[in-house]
Amino acid sequence: MNFLATGSSFLGLSPSSDQLMIINLSAILVGITFNAPQKVIKWGGLIIAVVTTTCGLWCNH
């Protein structure tokens, strides 16, 4: 029960609404670009989404 009272969550993350917005926008970016015929757009969108999500969760900007 103490775990719930401290507000901790998985991996010590307690995402704010800004962080959840970053995750959702990254998911939309991957969904739009992953079926692109050009490999640059396909993998570029995936890399940008992963970097943005990682920074949004752990960099605390």
C-alpha atoms as a PDB file:
ATOM      1  CA  MET A   1       0.000   0.000   0.000  1.00  0.00           C
ATOM      2  CA  ASN A   2       2.922   2.337   0.692  1.00  0.00           C
ATOM      3  CA  PHE A   3       3.933   1.976  -2.967  1.00  0.00           C
ATOM      4  CA  LEU A   4       0.668   3.589  -4.046  1.00  0.00           C
ATOM      5  CA  ALA A   5       0.971   6.377  -1.490  1.00  0.00           C
ATOM      6  CA  THR A   6       4.404   7.525  -2.691  1.00  0.00           C
ATOM      7  CA  GLY A   7       3.271   8.133  -6.253  1.00  0.00           C
ATOM      8  CA  SER A   8       6.061   6.010  -7.736  1.00  0.00           C
ATOM      9  CA  SER A   9       5.395   4.031 -10.832  1.00  0.00           C
ATOM     10  CA  PHE A  10       7.141   1.687 -13.231  1.00  0.00           C
ATOM     11  CA  LEU A  11      10.905   2.409 -13.467  1.00  0.00           C
ATOM     12  CA  GLY A  12      10.501   5.367 -11.136  1.00  0.00           C
ATOM     13  CA  LEU A  13       8.578   7.341 -13.758  1.00  0.00           C
ATOM     14  CA  SER A  14       5.473   9.269 -12.955  1.00  0.00           C
ATOM     15  CA  PRO A  15       4.618  10.849 -16.305  1.00  0.00           C
ATOM     16  CA  SER A  16       3.083  14.302 -16.384  1.00  0.00           C
ATOM     17  CA  SER A  17       0.550  15.417 -18.968  1.00  0.00           C
ATOM     18  CA  ASP A  18       3.350  16.992 -21.039  1.00  0.00           C
ATOM     19  CA  GLN A  19       5.227  13.698 -21.114  1.00  0.00           C
ATOM     20  CA  LEU A  20       2.081  11.806 -22.082  1.00  0.00           C
ATOM     21  CA  MET A  21       1.505  14.305 -24.898  1.00  0.00           C
ATOM     22  CA  ILE A  22       5.064  13.670 -26.155  1.00  0.00           C
ATOM     23  CA  ILE A  23       4.457   9.918 -26.124  1.00  0.00           C
ATOM     24  CA  ASN A  24       1.170  10.275 -28.013  1.00  0.00           C
ATOM     25  CA  LEU A  25       2.667  12.593 -30.642  1.00  0.00           C
ATOM     26  CA  SER A  26       5.592  10.212 -31.106  1.00  0.00           C
ATOM     27  CA  ALA A  27       3.171   7.332 -31.626  1.00  0.00           C
ATOM     28  CA  ILE A  28       1.307   9.364 -34.252  1.00  0.00           C
ATOM     29  CA  LEU A  29       4.598  10.181 -36.004  1.00  0.00           C
ATOM     30  CA  VAL A  30       5.547   6.502 -36.155  1.00  0.00           C
ATOM     31  CA  GLY A  31       2.068   5.549 -37.350  1.00  0.00           C
ATOM     32  CA  ILE A  32       2.180   8.061 -40.187  1.00  0.00           C
ATOM     33  CA  THR A  33       5.748   7.543 -41.374  1.00  0.00           C
ATOM     34  CA  PHE A  34       6.315   3.803 -40.905  1.00  0.00           C
ATOM     35  CA  ASN A  35       4.446   2.780 -44.066  1.00  0.00           C
ATOM     36  CA  ALA A  36       6.247   5.349 -46.252  1.00  0.00           C
ATOM     37  CA  PRO A  37       7.895   3.902 -49.361  1.00  0.00           C
ATOM     38  CA  GLN A  38      11.083   5.935 -48.812  1.00  0.00           C
ATOM     39  CA  LYS A  39      13.406   4.404 -46.218  1.00  0.00           C
ATOM     40  CA  VAL A  40      14.632   7.848 -45.119  1.00  0.00           C
ATOM     41  CA  ILE A  41      11.135   8.921 -44.076  1.00  0.00           C
ATOM     42  CA  LYS A  42      10.320   5.512 -42.583  1.00  0.00           C
ATOM     43  CA  TRP A  43      13.367   5.164 -40.350  1.00  0.00           C
ATOM     44  CA  GLY A  44      13.805   8.897 -39.782  1.00  0.00           C
ATOM     45  CA  GLY A  45      10.348   9.133 -38.257  1.00  0.00           C
ATOM     46  CA  LEU A  46      11.041   6.137 -36.041  1.00  0.00           C
ATOM     47  CA  ILE A  47      14.395   7.503 -34.833  1.00  0.00           C
ATOM     48  CA  ILE A  48      12.961  10.964 -34.130  1.00  0.00           C
ATOM     49  CA  ALA A  49      10.056   9.435 -32.208  1.00  0.00           C
ATOM     50  CA  VAL A  50      12.342   7.263 -30.057  1.00  0.00           C
ATOM     51  CA  VAL A  51      14.755  10.105 -29.270  1.00  0.00           C
ATOM     52  CA  THR A  52      11.936  12.536 -28.494  1.00  0.00           C
ATOM     53  CA  THR A  53      10.163  10.068 -26.217  1.00  0.00           C
ATOM     54  CA  THR A  54      13.359   9.155 -24.385  1.00  0.00           C
ATOM     55  CA  CYS A  55      14.310  12.781 -23.840  1.00  0.00           C
ATOM     56  CA  GLY A  56      10.770  13.695 -22.821  1.00  0.00           C
ATOM     57  CA  LEU A  57      10.680  11.002 -20.140  1.00  0.00           C
ATOM     58  CA  TRP A  58      14.167  11.187 -18.666  1.00  0.00           C
ATOM     59  CA  CYS A  59      15.634  14.644 -19.419  1.00  0.00           C
ATOM     60  CA  ASN A  60      13.020  16.590 -17.377  1.00  0.00           C
ATOM     61  CA  HIS A  61      12.906  19.608 -19.681  1.00  0.00           C
END
